[in-house]
Amino acid sequence: MIMAIVDLPAERRSVLIVVIEPDNLERMKKADPVTLESSLQGGLLKPPAYPLDFSVLIGYEEDSAKLYELAKAARTPHAVLELLKWLERGRVFDPKQGDGVENARRLSRAVMGYSNEPKN
């Protein structure tokens, strides 16, 4: 799996990229989740530079060699955009058109000592 936060200064936005590979998917099918931890928790996720314009791109890729080749080359803004374009090469969903919004659900933020479970 590849995971990185990419800050795009020219656009003043940050993107969390998560690319799941076949072995990751097989583990997840067995209820073995992936946890992405912040650097404060000992993980690899650094805070995004632009938290107010932050998005997440989750992809799946079987061609690990190509994935790692592009990821290693993603050292410049242009190369990062090439990686993003490659990951989105099969995109059908267009968020600007509102696709899928009718199926989206906002979850309440958990509050210490308060249950988010619906009351009967």
PDB file of N, CA and C in Angstrom:
ATOM      1  N   MET A   1       0.853  -1.170   0.000  1.00  0.00           N
ATOM      2  CA  MET A   1       0.000   0.000   0.000  1.00  0.00           C
ATOM      3  C   MET A   1       0.897   1.231   0.000  1.00  0.00           C
ATOM      4  N   ILE A   2       0.443   2.213  -0.720  1.00  0.00           N
ATOM      5  CA  ILE A   2       1.117   3.504  -0.707  1.00  0.00           C
ATOM      6  C   ILE A   2       0.177   4.504  -0.065  1.00  0.00           C
ATOM      7  N   MET A   3       0.751   5.335   0.802  1.00  0.00           N
ATOM      8  CA  MET A   3      -0.013   6.359   1.471  1.00  0.00           C
ATOM      9  C   MET A   3       0.874   7.589   1.568  1.00  0.00           C
ATOM     10  N   ALA A   4       0.332   8.745   1.191  1.00  0.00           N
ATOM     11  CA  ALA A   4       1.094   9.983   1.313  1.00  0.00           C
ATOM     12  C   ALA A   4       0.135  11.166   1.333  1.00  0.00           C
ATOM     13  N   ILE A   5       0.528  12.190   2.070  1.00  0.00           N
ATOM     14  CA  ILE A   5      -0.179  13.462   1.984  1.00  0.00           C
ATOM     15  C   ILE A   5       0.632  14.332   1.037  1.00  0.00           C
ATOM     16  N   VAL A   6      -0.052  14.818   0.018  1.00  0.00           N
ATOM     17  CA  VAL A   6       0.593  15.657  -0.987  1.00  0.00           C
ATOM     18  C   VAL A   6       0.023  17.063  -0.855  1.00  0.00           C
ATOM     19  N   ASP A   7       0.913  18.017  -0.649  1.00  0.00           N
ATOM     20  CA  ASP A   7       0.517  19.418  -0.576  1.00  0.00           C
ATOM     21  C   ASP A   7       0.777  20.059  -1.935  1.00  0.00           C
ATOM     22  N   LEU A   8      -0.233  20.716  -2.476  1.00  0.00           N
ATOM     23  CA  LEU A   8      -0.136  21.365  -3.780  1.00  0.00           C
ATOM     24  C   LEU A   8      -0.193  22.881  -3.568  1.00  0.00           C
ATOM     25  N   PRO A   9       0.966  23.515  -3.353  1.00  0.00           N
ATOM     26  CA  PRO A   9       0.992  24.940  -3.032  1.00  0.00           C
ATOM     27  C   PRO A   9       0.357  25.831  -4.097  1.00  0.00           C
ATOM     28  N   ALA A  10       0.544  25.512  -5.365  1.00  0.00           N
ATOM     29  CA  ALA A  10      -0.025  26.350  -6.432  1.00  0.00           C
ATOM     30  C   ALA A  10      -1.547  26.395  -6.347  1.00  0.00           C
ATOM     31  N   GLU A  11      -2.146  25.283  -5.873  1.00  0.00           N
ATOM     32  CA  GLU A  11      -3.607  25.213  -5.746  1.00  0.00           C
ATOM     33  C   GLU A  11      -4.067  25.452  -4.315  1.00  0.00           C
ATOM     34  N   ARG A  12      -3.124  25.559  -3.399  1.00  0.00           N
ATOM     35  CA  ARG A  12      -3.407  25.730  -1.973  1.00  0.00           C
ATOM     36  C   ARG A  12      -4.369  24.661  -1.460  1.00  0.00           C
ATOM     37  N   ARG A  13      -4.031  23.398  -1.797  1.00  0.00           N
ATOM     38  CA  ARG A  13      -4.829  22.279  -1.313  1.00  0.00           C
ATOM     39  C   ARG A  13      -3.931  21.098  -1.004  1.00  0.00           C
ATOM     40  N   SER A  14      -4.442  20.197  -0.180  1.00  0.00           N
ATOM     41  CA  SER A  14      -3.725  18.985   0.199  1.00  0.00           C
ATOM     42  C   SER A  14      -4.571  17.776  -0.152  1.00  0.00           C
ATOM     43  N   VAL A  15      -3.895  16.689  -0.546  1.00  0.00           N
ATOM     44  CA  VAL A  15      -4.577  15.454  -0.910  1.00  0.00           C
ATOM     45  C   VAL A  15      -3.908  14.301  -0.179  1.00  0.00           C
ATOM     46  N   LEU A  16      -4.715  13.498   0.508  1.00  0.00           N
ATOM     47  CA  LEU A  16      -4.223  12.249   1.073  1.00  0.00           C
ATOM     48  C   LEU A  16      -4.438  11.184   0.007  1.00  0.00           C
ATOM     49  N   ILE A  17      -3.356  10.564  -0.430  1.00  0.00           N
ATOM     50  CA  ILE A  17      -3.435   9.505  -1.438  1.00  0.00           C
ATOM     51  C   ILE A  17      -3.233   8.170  -0.740  1.00  0.00           C
ATOM     52  N   VAL A  18      -4.183   7.268  -0.923  1.00  0.00           N
ATOM     53  CA  VAL A  18      -4.074   5.907  -0.401  1.00  0.00           C
ATOM     54  C   VAL A  18      -4.307   4.974  -1.578  1.00  0.00           C
ATOM     55  N   VAL A  19      -3.334   4.123  -1.864  1.00  0.00           N
ATOM     56  CA  VAL A  19      -3.472   3.159  -2.949  1.00  0.00           C
ATOM     57  C   VAL A  19      -3.374   1.765  -2.349  1.00  0.00           C
ATOM     58  N   ILE A  20      -4.455   1.038  -2.484  1.00  0.00           N
ATOM     59  CA  ILE A  20      -4.546  -0.321  -1.954  1.00  0.00           C
ATOM     60  C   ILE A  20      -4.105  -1.293  -3.040  1.00  0.00           C
ATOM     61  N   GLU A  21      -3.301  -2.264  -2.643  1.00  0.00           N
ATOM     62  CA  GLU A  21      -2.812  -3.284  -3.560  1.00  0.00           C
ATOM     63  C   GLU A  21      -3.519  -4.609  -3.247  1.00  0.00           C
ATOM     64  N   PRO A  22      -3.390  -5.608  -4.132  1.00  0.00           N
ATOM     65  CA  PRO A  22      -4.130  -6.866  -3.943  1.00  0.00           C
ATOM     66  C   PRO A  22      -3.957  -7.506  -2.570  1.00  0.00           C
ATOM     67  N   ASP A  23      -2.723  -7.549  -2.039  1.00  0.00           N
ATOM     68  CA  ASP A  23      -2.525  -8.181  -0.731  1.00  0.00           C
ATOM     69  C   ASP A  23      -3.237  -7.415   0.380  1.00  0.00           C
ATOM     70  N   ASN A  24      -3.272  -6.072   0.272  1.00  0.00           N
ATOM     71  CA  ASN A  24      -4.004  -5.268   1.256  1.00  0.00           C
ATOM     72  C   ASN A  24      -5.494  -5.582   1.202  1.00  0.00           C
ATOM     73  N   LEU A  25      -6.018  -5.691  -0.013  1.00  0.00           N
ATOM     74  CA  LEU A  25      -7.445  -5.958  -0.194  1.00  0.00           C
ATOM     75  C   LEU A  25      -7.817  -7.327   0.370  1.00  0.00           C
ATOM     76  N   GLU A  26      -6.972  -8.309   0.154  1.00  0.00           N
ATOM     77  CA  GLU A  26      -7.251  -9.642   0.697  1.00  0.00           C
ATOM     78  C   GLU A  26      -7.315  -9.606   2.220  1.00  0.00           C
ATOM     79  N   ARG A  27      -6.390  -8.881   2.847  1.00  0.00           N
ATOM     80  CA  ARG A  27      -6.426  -8.739   4.302  1.00  0.00           C
ATOM     81  C   ARG A  27      -7.712  -8.053   4.747  1.00  0.00           C
ATOM     82  N   MET A  28      -8.106  -6.998   4.028  1.00  0.00           N
ATOM     83  CA  MET A  28      -9.296  -6.242   4.413  1.00  0.00           C
ATOM     84  C   MET A  28     -10.562  -7.077   4.253  1.00  0.00           C
ATOM     85  N   LYS A  29     -10.581  -7.970   3.279  1.00  0.00           N
ATOM     86  CA  LYS A  29     -11.736  -8.857   3.101  1.00  0.00           C
ATOM     87  C   LYS A  29     -11.921  -9.770   4.299  1.00  0.00           C
ATOM     88  N   LYS A  30     -10.844  -9.985   5.064  1.00  0.00           N
ATOM     89  CA  LYS A  30     -10.906 -10.844   6.257  1.00  0.00           C
ATOM     90  C   LYS A  30     -11.079 -10.006   7.524  1.00  0.00           C
ATOM     91  N   ALA A  31     -11.613  -8.809   7.368  1.00  0.00           N
ATOM     92  CA  ALA A  31     -11.879  -7.892   8.489  1.00  0.00           C
ATOM     93  C   ALA A  31     -10.597  -7.460   9.196  1.00  0.00           C
ATOM     94  N   ASP A  32      -9.470  -7.393   8.465  1.00  0.00           N
ATOM     95  CA  ASP A  32      -8.204  -6.897   8.992  1.00  0.00           C
ATOM     96  C   ASP A  32      -7.993  -5.506   8.394  1.00  0.00           C
ATOM     97  N   PRO A  33      -8.441  -4.459   9.094  1.00  0.00           N
ATOM     98  CA  PRO A  33      -8.417  -3.113   8.510  1.00  0.00           C
ATOM     99  C   PRO A  33      -7.013  -2.524   8.436  1.00  0.00           C
ATOM    100  N   VAL A  34      -6.916  -1.477   7.684  1.00  0.00           N
ATOM    101  CA  VAL A  34      -5.705  -0.680   7.591  1.00  0.00           C
ATOM    102  C   VAL A  34      -5.938   0.564   8.443  1.00  0.00           C
ATOM    103  N   THR A  35      -4.980   0.901   9.270  1.00  0.00           N
ATOM    104  CA  THR A  35      -5.081   2.101  10.088  1.00  0.00           C
ATOM    105  C   THR A  35      -3.964   3.050   9.676  1.00  0.00           C
ATOM    106  N   LEU A  36      -4.318   4.268   9.380  1.00  0.00           N
ATOM    107  CA  LEU A  36      -3.336   5.292   9.037  1.00  0.00           C
ATOM    108  C   LEU A  36      -3.175   6.188  10.255  1.00  0.00           C
ATOM    109  N   GLU A  37      -2.003   6.168  10.854  1.00  0.00           N
ATOM    110  CA  GLU A  37      -1.750   6.917  12.083  1.00  0.00           C
ATOM    111  C   GLU A  37      -1.002   8.218  11.790  1.00  0.00           C
ATOM    112  N   SER A  38      -1.314   9.241  12.560  1.00  0.00           N
ATOM    113  CA  SER A  38      -0.612  10.517  12.431  1.00  0.00           C
ATOM    114  C   SER A  38       0.816  10.371  12.947  1.00  0.00           C
ATOM    115  N   SER A  39       1.662  11.287  12.530  1.00  0.00           N
ATOM    116  CA  SER A  39       3.049  11.257  12.998  1.00  0.00           C
ATOM    117  C   SER A  39       3.110  11.446  14.513  1.00  0.00           C
ATOM    118  N   LEU A  40       2.132  12.162  15.087  1.00  0.00           N
ATOM    119  CA  LEU A  40       2.092  12.328  16.545  1.00  0.00           C
ATOM    120  C   LEU A  40       1.824  11.010  17.262  1.00  0.00           C
ATOM    121  N   GLN A  41       1.179  10.069  16.555  1.00  0.00           N
ATOM    122  CA  GLN A  41       0.866   8.758  17.124  1.00  0.00           C
ATOM    123  C   GLN A  41       1.916   7.710  16.735  1.00  0.00           C
ATOM    124  N   GLY A  42       3.003   8.165  16.093  1.00  0.00           N
ATOM    125  CA  GLY A  42       4.056   7.240  15.684  1.00  0.00           C
ATOM    126  C   GLY A  42       3.897   6.735  14.259  1.00  0.00           C
ATOM    127  N   GLY A  43       2.888   7.224  13.553  1.00  0.00           N
ATOM    128  CA  GLY A  43       2.661   6.802  12.176  1.00  0.00           C
ATOM    129  C   GLY A  43       3.371   7.690  11.177  1.00  0.00           C
ATOM    130  N   LEU A  44       2.953   7.583   9.929  1.00  0.00           N
ATOM    131  CA  LEU A  44       3.617   8.305   8.842  1.00  0.00           C
ATOM    132  C   LEU A  44       2.843   9.505   8.310  1.00  0.00           C
ATOM    133  N   LEU A  45       1.623   9.726   8.803  1.00  0.00           N
ATOM    134  CA  LEU A  45       0.817  10.833   8.286  1.00  0.00           C
ATOM    135  C   LEU A  45       1.224  12.159   8.914  1.00  0.00           C
ATOM    136  N   LYS A  46       1.750  13.048   8.079  1.00  0.00           N
ATOM    137  CA  LYS A  46       2.060  14.385   8.566  1.00  0.00           C
ATOM    138  C   LYS A  46       0.806  15.250   8.414  1.00  0.00           C
ATOM    139  N   PRO A  47       0.691  16.326   9.160  1.00  0.00           N
ATOM    140  CA  PRO A  47      -0.481  17.197   9.001  1.00  0.00           C
ATOM    141  C   PRO A  47      -0.479  17.835   7.610  1.00  0.00           C
ATOM    142  N   PRO A  48      -1.647  17.980   7.002  1.00  0.00           N
ATOM    143  CA  PRO A  48      -1.696  18.628   5.691  1.00  0.00           C
ATOM    144  C   PRO A  48      -1.397  20.128   5.822  1.00  0.00           C
ATOM    145  N   ALA A  49      -0.759  20.674   4.802  1.00  0.00           N
ATOM    146  CA  ALA A  49      -0.454  22.106   4.801  1.00  0.00           C
ATOM    147  C   ALA A  49      -1.716  22.943   4.614  1.00  0.00           C
ATOM    148  N   TYR A  50      -2.727  22.359   3.950  1.00  0.00           N
ATOM    149  CA  TYR A  50      -3.953  23.101   3.639  1.00  0.00           C
ATOM    150  C   TYR A  50      -5.169  22.323   4.155  1.00  0.00           C
ATOM    151  N   PRO A  51      -5.359  22.287   5.476  1.00  0.00           N
ATOM    152  CA  PRO A  51      -6.453  21.487   6.037  1.00  0.00           C
ATOM    153  C   PRO A  51      -7.851  21.964   5.648  1.00  0.00           C
ATOM    154  N   LEU A  52      -7.990  23.230   5.259  1.00  0.00           N
ATOM    155  CA  LEU A  52      -9.312  23.723   4.879  1.00  0.00           C
ATOM    156  C   LEU A  52      -9.688  23.336   3.453  1.00  0.00           C
ATOM    157  N   ASP A  53      -8.707  22.918   2.657  1.00  0.00           N
ATOM    158  CA  ASP A  53      -8.976  22.414   1.315  1.00  0.00           C
ATOM    159  C   ASP A  53      -8.248  21.079   1.188  1.00  0.00           C
ATOM    160  N   PHE A  54      -8.822  20.090   1.843  1.00  0.00           N
ATOM    161  CA  PHE A  54      -8.201  18.775   1.995  1.00  0.00           C
ATOM    162  C   PHE A  54      -9.117  17.726   1.386  1.00  0.00           C
ATOM    163  N   SER A  55      -8.561  16.844   0.577  1.00  0.00           N
ATOM    164  CA  SER A  55      -9.357  15.756   0.019  1.00  0.00           C
ATOM    165  C   SER A  55      -8.587  14.441   0.138  1.00  0.00           C
ATOM    166  N   VAL A  56      -9.309  13.355  -0.063  1.00  0.00           N
ATOM    167  CA  VAL A  56      -8.731  12.011   0.035  1.00  0.00           C
ATOM    168  C   VAL A  56      -8.989  11.285  -1.270  1.00  0.00           C
ATOM    169  N   LEU A  57      -7.944  10.718  -1.844  1.00  0.00           N
ATOM    170  CA  LEU A  57      -8.064   9.897  -3.041  1.00  0.00           C
ATOM    171  C   LEU A  57      -7.686   8.478  -2.641  1.00  0.00           C
ATOM    172  N   ILE A  58      -8.635   7.548  -2.767  1.00  0.00           N
ATOM    173  CA  ILE A  58      -8.378   6.141  -2.458  1.00  0.00           C
ATOM    174  C   ILE A  58      -8.456   5.380  -3.762  1.00  0.00           C
ATOM    175  N   GLY A  59      -7.395   4.673  -4.083  1.00  0.00           N
ATOM    176  CA  GLY A  59      -7.354   3.908  -5.322  1.00  0.00           C
ATOM    177  C   GLY A  59      -6.972   2.467  -5.070  1.00  0.00           C
ATOM    178  N   TYR A  60      -7.112   1.681  -6.100  1.00  0.00           N
ATOM    179  CA  TYR A  60      -6.717   0.271  -6.064  1.00  0.00           C
ATOM    180  C   TYR A  60      -5.829   0.031  -7.266  1.00  0.00           C
ATOM    181  N   GLU A  61      -4.722  -0.675  -7.070  1.00  0.00           N
ATOM    182  CA  GLU A  61      -3.820  -0.933  -8.187  1.00  0.00           C
ATOM    183  C   GLU A  61      -3.200  -2.325  -8.084  1.00  0.00           C
ATOM    184  N   GLU A  62      -3.323  -3.067  -9.171  1.00  0.00           N
ATOM    185  CA  GLU A  62      -2.709  -4.394  -9.239  1.00  0.00           C
ATOM    186  C   GLU A  62      -1.281  -4.342  -9.754  1.00  0.00           C
ATOM    187  N   ASP A  63      -0.943  -3.323 -10.542  1.00  0.00           N
ATOM    188  CA  ASP A  63       0.396  -3.193 -11.117  1.00  0.00           C
ATOM    189  C   ASP A  63       1.312  -2.473 -10.128  1.00  0.00           C
ATOM    190  N   SER A  64       1.813  -3.220  -9.138  1.00  0.00           N
ATOM    191  CA  SER A  64       2.642  -2.625  -8.089  1.00  0.00           C
ATOM    192  C   SER A  64       3.928  -2.026  -8.646  1.00  0.00           C
ATOM    193  N   ALA A  65       4.526  -2.665  -9.642  1.00  0.00           N
ATOM    194  CA  ALA A  65       5.781  -2.158 -10.206  1.00  0.00           C
ATOM    195  C   ALA A  65       5.576  -0.750 -10.768  1.00  0.00           C
ATOM    196  N   LYS A  66       4.518  -0.560 -11.534  1.00  0.00           N
ATOM    197  CA  LYS A  66       4.224   0.756 -12.122  1.00  0.00           C
ATOM    198  C   LYS A  66       3.895   1.763 -11.021  1.00  0.00           C
ATOM    199  N   LEU A  67       3.117   1.330 -10.040  1.00  0.00           N
ATOM    200  CA  LEU A  67       2.739   2.190  -8.931  1.00  0.00           C
ATOM    201  C   LEU A  67       3.983   2.712  -8.206  1.00  0.00           C
ATOM    202  N   TYR A  68       4.898   1.819  -7.851  1.00  0.00           N
ATOM    203  CA  TYR A  68       6.096   2.224  -7.118  1.00  0.00           C
ATOM    204  C   TYR A  68       7.037   3.051  -7.990  1.00  0.00           C
ATOM    205  N   GLU A  69       7.078   2.772  -9.273  1.00  0.00           N
ATOM    206  CA  GLU A  69       7.891   3.566 -10.205  1.00  0.00           C
ATOM    207  C   GLU A  69       7.410   5.018 -10.215  1.00  0.00           C
ATOM    208  N   LEU A  70       6.102   5.211 -10.355  1.00  0.00           N
ATOM    209  CA  LEU A  70       5.544   6.565 -10.365  1.00  0.00           C
ATOM    210  C   LEU A  70       5.682   7.244  -9.008  1.00  0.00           C
ATOM    211  N   ALA A  71       5.488   6.491  -7.946  1.00  0.00           N
ATOM    212  CA  ALA A  71       5.581   7.068  -6.598  1.00  0.00           C
ATOM    213  C   ALA A  71       7.006   7.531  -6.305  1.00  0.00           C
ATOM    214  N   LYS A  72       8.001   6.752  -6.694  1.00  0.00           N
ATOM    215  CA  LYS A  72       9.400   7.143  -6.472  1.00  0.00           C
ATOM    216  C   LYS A  72       9.760   8.389  -7.270  1.00  0.00           C
ATOM    217  N   ALA A  73       9.170   8.533  -8.443  1.00  0.00           N
ATOM    218  CA  ALA A  73       9.458   9.691  -9.304  1.00  0.00           C
ATOM    219  C   ALA A  73       8.706  10.949  -8.871  1.00  0.00           C
ATOM    220  N   ALA A  74       7.732  10.823  -7.993  1.00  0.00           N
ATOM    221  CA  ALA A  74       6.852  11.949  -7.617  1.00  0.00           C
ATOM    222  C   ALA A  74       7.554  12.893  -6.643  1.00  0.00           C
ATOM    223  N   ARG A  75       8.622  13.523  -7.106  1.00  0.00           N
ATOM    224  CA  ARG A  75       9.403  14.436  -6.270  1.00  0.00           C
ATOM    225  C   ARG A  75       9.154  15.900  -6.611  1.00  0.00           C
ATOM    226  N   THR A  76       8.511  16.143  -7.736  1.00  0.00           N
ATOM    227  CA  THR A  76       8.208  17.514  -8.155  1.00  0.00           C
ATOM    228  C   THR A  76       6.690  17.644  -8.287  1.00  0.00           C
ATOM    229  N   PRO A  77       6.166  18.863  -8.248  1.00  0.00           N
ATOM    230  CA  PRO A  77       4.714  19.026  -8.423  1.00  0.00           C
ATOM    231  C   PRO A  77       4.206  18.416  -9.729  1.00  0.00           C
ATOM    232  N   HIS A  78       4.974  18.548 -10.802  1.00  0.00           N
ATOM    233  CA  HIS A  78       4.559  17.968 -12.083  1.00  0.00           C
ATOM    234  C   HIS A  78       4.477  16.442 -11.989  1.00  0.00           C
ATOM    235  N   ALA A  79       5.469  15.819 -11.363  1.00  0.00           N
ATOM    236  CA  ALA A  79       5.481  14.360 -11.230  1.00  0.00           C
ATOM    237  C   ALA A  79       4.351  13.879 -10.322  1.00  0.00           C
ATOM    238  N   VAL A  80       4.029  14.656  -9.294  1.00  0.00           N
ATOM    239  CA  VAL A  80       2.898  14.305  -8.419  1.00  0.00           C
ATOM    240  C   VAL A  80       1.601  14.330  -9.221  1.00  0.00           C
ATOM    241  N   LEU A  81       1.439  15.363 -10.047  1.00  0.00           N
ATOM    242  CA  LEU A  81       0.231  15.443 -10.873  1.00  0.00           C
ATOM    243  C   LEU A  81       0.165  14.286 -11.866  1.00  0.00           C
ATOM    244  N   GLU A  82       1.306  13.850 -12.376  1.00  0.00           N
ATOM    245  CA  GLU A  82       1.333  12.683 -13.277  1.00  0.00           C
ATOM    246  C   GLU A  82       0.878  11.434 -12.533  1.00  0.00           C
ATOM    247  N   LEU A  83       1.320  11.265 -11.298  1.00  0.00           N
ATOM    248  CA  LEU A  83       0.881  10.127 -10.484  1.00  0.00           C
ATOM    249  C   LEU A  83      -0.625  10.195 -10.260  1.00  0.00           C
ATOM    250  N   LEU A  84      -1.137  11.374  -9.908  1.00  0.00           N
ATOM    251  CA  LEU A  84      -2.575  11.521  -9.683  1.00  0.00           C
ATOM    252  C   LEU A  84      -3.359  11.209 -10.957  1.00  0.00           C
ATOM    253  N   LYS A  85      -2.886  11.721 -12.098  1.00  0.00           N
ATOM    254  CA  LYS A  85      -3.576  11.436 -13.366  1.00  0.00           C
ATOM    255  C   LYS A  85      -3.592   9.941 -13.657  1.00  0.00           C
ATOM    256  N   TRP A  86      -2.481   9.271 -13.383  1.00  0.00           N
ATOM    257  CA  TRP A  86      -2.404   7.832 -13.644  1.00  0.00           C
ATOM    258  C   TRP A  86      -3.370   7.070 -12.730  1.00  0.00           C
ATOM    259  N   LEU A  87      -3.425   7.463 -11.456  1.00  0.00           N
ATOM    260  CA  LEU A  87      -4.329   6.800 -10.517  1.00  0.00           C
ATOM    261  C   LEU A  87      -5.793   7.006 -10.888  1.00  0.00           C
ATOM    262  N   GLU A  88      -6.082   8.129 -11.567  1.00  0.00           N
ATOM    263  CA  GLU A  88      -7.461   8.459 -11.926  1.00  0.00           C
ATOM    264  C   GLU A  88      -7.787   8.108 -13.373  1.00  0.00           C
ATOM    265  N   ARG A  89      -6.948   7.295 -14.012  1.00  0.00           N
ATOM    266  CA  ARG A  89      -7.127   7.027 -15.441  1.00  0.00           C
ATOM    267  C   ARG A  89      -8.446   6.349 -15.784  1.00  0.00           C
ATOM    268  N   GLY A  90      -9.077   5.704 -14.842  1.00  0.00           N
ATOM    269  CA  GLY A  90     -10.358   5.057 -15.115  1.00  0.00           C
ATOM    270  C   GLY A  90     -11.552   5.764 -14.493  1.00  0.00           C
ATOM    271  N   ARG A  91     -11.335   6.988 -13.993  1.00  0.00           N
ATOM    272  CA  ARG A  91     -12.382   7.705 -13.255  1.00  0.00           C
ATOM    273  C   ARG A  91     -13.649   7.882 -14.082  1.00  0.00           C
ATOM    274  N   VAL A  92     -14.759   7.512 -13.463  1.00  0.00           N
ATOM    275  CA  VAL A  92     -16.082   7.724 -14.044  1.00  0.00           C
ATOM    276  C   VAL A  92     -16.824   8.759 -13.202  1.00  0.00           C
ATOM    277  N   PHE A  93     -16.655   8.675 -11.897  1.00  0.00           N
ATOM    278  CA  PHE A  93     -17.297   9.565 -10.942  1.00  0.00           C
ATOM    279  C   PHE A  93     -16.780  10.992 -11.123  1.00  0.00           C
ATOM    280  N   ASP A  94     -17.680  11.960 -11.182  1.00  0.00           N
ATOM    281  CA  ASP A  94     -17.297  13.361 -11.299  1.00  0.00           C
ATOM    282  C   ASP A  94     -17.892  14.137 -10.120  1.00  0.00           C
ATOM    283  N   PRO A  95     -17.073  14.410  -9.087  1.00  0.00           N
ATOM    284  CA  PRO A  95     -17.616  15.096  -7.911  1.00  0.00           C
ATOM    285  C   PRO A  95     -18.199  16.468  -8.227  1.00  0.00           C
ATOM    286  N   LYS A  96     -17.711  17.132  -9.273  1.00  0.00           N
ATOM    287  CA  LYS A  96     -18.240  18.455  -9.628  1.00  0.00           C
ATOM    288  C   LYS A  96     -19.669  18.351 -10.154  1.00  0.00           C
ATOM    289  N   GLN A  97     -20.056  17.182 -10.640  1.00  0.00           N
ATOM    290  CA  GLN A  97     -21.411  16.974 -11.132  1.00  0.00           C
ATOM    291  C   GLN A  97     -22.345  16.473 -10.024  1.00  0.00           C
ATOM    292  N   GLY A  98     -21.796  16.231  -8.827  1.00  0.00           N
ATOM    293  CA  GLY A  98     -22.634  15.793  -7.718  1.00  0.00           C
ATOM    294  C   GLY A  98     -22.900  14.300  -7.698  1.00  0.00           C
ATOM    295  N   ASP A  99     -22.190  13.530  -8.513  1.00  0.00           N
ATOM    296  CA  ASP A  99     -22.393  12.079  -8.532  1.00  0.00           C
ATOM    297  C   ASP A  99     -22.220  11.498  -7.132  1.00  0.00           C
ATOM    298  N   GLY A 100     -23.160  10.723  -6.717  1.00  0.00           N
ATOM    299  CA  GLY A 100     -23.042  10.012  -5.456  1.00  0.00           C
ATOM    300  C   GLY A 100     -23.430  10.794  -4.223  1.00  0.00           C
ATOM    301  N   VAL A 101     -23.670  12.085  -4.346  1.00  0.00           N
ATOM    302  CA  VAL A 101     -23.995  12.894  -3.177  1.00  0.00           C
ATOM    303  C   VAL A 101     -25.255  12.380  -2.501  1.00  0.00           C
ATOM    304  N   GLU A 102     -26.196  11.892  -3.303  1.00  0.00           N
ATOM    305  CA  GLU A 102     -27.449  11.390  -2.716  1.00  0.00           C
ATOM    306  C   GLU A 102     -27.217  10.170  -1.825  1.00  0.00           C
ATOM    307  N   ASN A 103     -26.077   9.491  -1.974  1.00  0.00           N
ATOM    308  CA  ASN A 103     -25.767   8.320  -1.157  1.00  0.00           C
ATOM    309  C   ASN A 103     -24.819   8.643  -0.007  1.00  0.00           C
ATOM    310  N   ALA A 104     -24.335   9.866   0.065  1.00  0.00           N
ATOM    311  CA  ALA A 104     -23.393  10.241   1.112  1.00  0.00           C
ATOM    312  C   ALA A 104     -24.125  10.453   2.430  1.00  0.00           C
ATOM    313  N   ARG A 105     -23.466  10.115   3.514  1.00  0.00           N
ATOM    314  CA  ARG A 105     -24.026  10.318   4.848  1.00  0.00           C
ATOM    315  C   ARG A 105     -22.976  10.981   5.716  1.00  0.00           C
ATOM    316  N   ARG A 106     -23.351  12.031   6.389  1.00  0.00           N
ATOM    317  CA  ARG A 106     -22.443  12.692   7.315  1.00  0.00           C
ATOM    318  C   ARG A 106     -22.605  12.020   8.676  1.00  0.00           C
ATOM    319  N   LEU A 107     -21.489  11.641   9.268  1.00  0.00           N
ATOM    320  CA  LEU A 107     -21.502  11.017  10.582  1.00  0.00           C
ATOM    321  C   LEU A 107     -21.211  12.060  11.643  1.00  0.00           C
ATOM    322  N   SER A 108     -21.899  11.956  12.750  1.00  0.00           N
ATOM    323  CA  SER A 108     -21.642  12.871  13.858  1.00  0.00           C
ATOM    324  C   SER A 108     -20.264  12.597  14.416  1.00  0.00           C
ATOM    325  N   ARG A 109     -19.603  13.642  14.816  1.00  0.00           N
ATOM    326  CA  ARG A 109     -18.278  13.502  15.422  1.00  0.00           C
ATOM    327  C   ARG A 109     -18.437  12.898  16.807  1.00  0.00           C
ATOM    328  N   ALA A 110     -17.589  11.945  17.115  1.00  0.00           N
ATOM    329  CA  ALA A 110     -17.637  11.312  18.432  1.00  0.00           C
ATOM    330  C   ALA A 110     -17.215  12.311  19.502  1.00  0.00           C
ATOM    331  N   VAL A 111     -17.932  12.319  20.607  1.00  0.00           N
ATOM    332  CA  VAL A 111     -17.635  13.194  21.723  1.00  0.00           C
ATOM    333  C   VAL A 111     -17.432  12.326  22.941  1.00  0.00           C
ATOM    334  N   MET A 112     -16.355  12.571  23.663  1.00  0.00           N
ATOM    335  CA  MET A 112     -16.034  11.773  24.838  1.00  0.00           C
ATOM    336  C   MET A 112     -17.219  11.756  25.804  1.00  0.00           C
ATOM    337  N   GLY A 113     -17.635  10.560  26.213  1.00  0.00           N
ATOM    338  CA  GLY A 113     -18.728  10.424  27.167  1.00  0.00           C
ATOM    339  C   GLY A 113     -20.105  10.499  26.544  1.00  0.00           C
ATOM    340  N   TYR A 114     -20.181  10.568  25.223  1.00  0.00           N
ATOM    341  CA  TYR A 114     -21.473  10.674  24.540  1.00  0.00           C
ATOM    342  C   TYR A 114     -21.550   9.566  23.499  1.00  0.00           C
ATOM    343  N   SER A 115     -22.668   8.893  23.449  1.00  0.00           N
ATOM    344  CA  SER A 115     -22.855   7.826  22.475  1.00  0.00           C
ATOM    345  C   SER A 115     -23.520   8.354  21.223  1.00  0.00           C
ATOM    346  N   ASN A 116     -22.978   7.985  20.048  1.00  0.00           N
ATOM    347  CA  ASN A 116     -23.581   8.382  18.780  1.00  0.00           C
ATOM    348  C   ASN A 116     -24.646   7.390  18.342  1.00  0.00           C
ATOM    349  N   GLU A 117     -24.896   6.397  19.155  1.00  0.00           N
ATOM    350  CA  GLU A 117     -25.910   5.398  18.824  1.00  0.00           C
ATOM    351  C   GLU A 117     -27.288   6.049  18.845  1.00  0.00           C
ATOM    352  N   PRO A 118     -28.150   5.708  17.866  1.00  0.00           N
ATOM    353  CA  PRO A 118     -29.513   6.283  17.853  1.00  0.00           C
ATOM    354  C   PRO A 118     -30.289   5.860  19.086  1.00  0.00           C
ATOM    355  N   LYS A 119     -31.110   6.758  19.592  1.00  0.00           N
ATOM    356  CA  LYS A 119     -31.950   6.431  20.751  1.00  0.00           C
ATOM    357  C   LYS A 119     -33.194   5.683  20.285  1.00  0.00           C
ATOM    358  N   ASN A 120     -33.592   4.671  21.037  1.00  0.00           N
ATOM    359  CA  ASN A 120     -34.786   3.889  20.687  1.00  0.00           C
ATOM    360  C   ASN A 120     -36.041   4.572  21.126  1.00  0.00           C
TER     361      ASN A 120
END
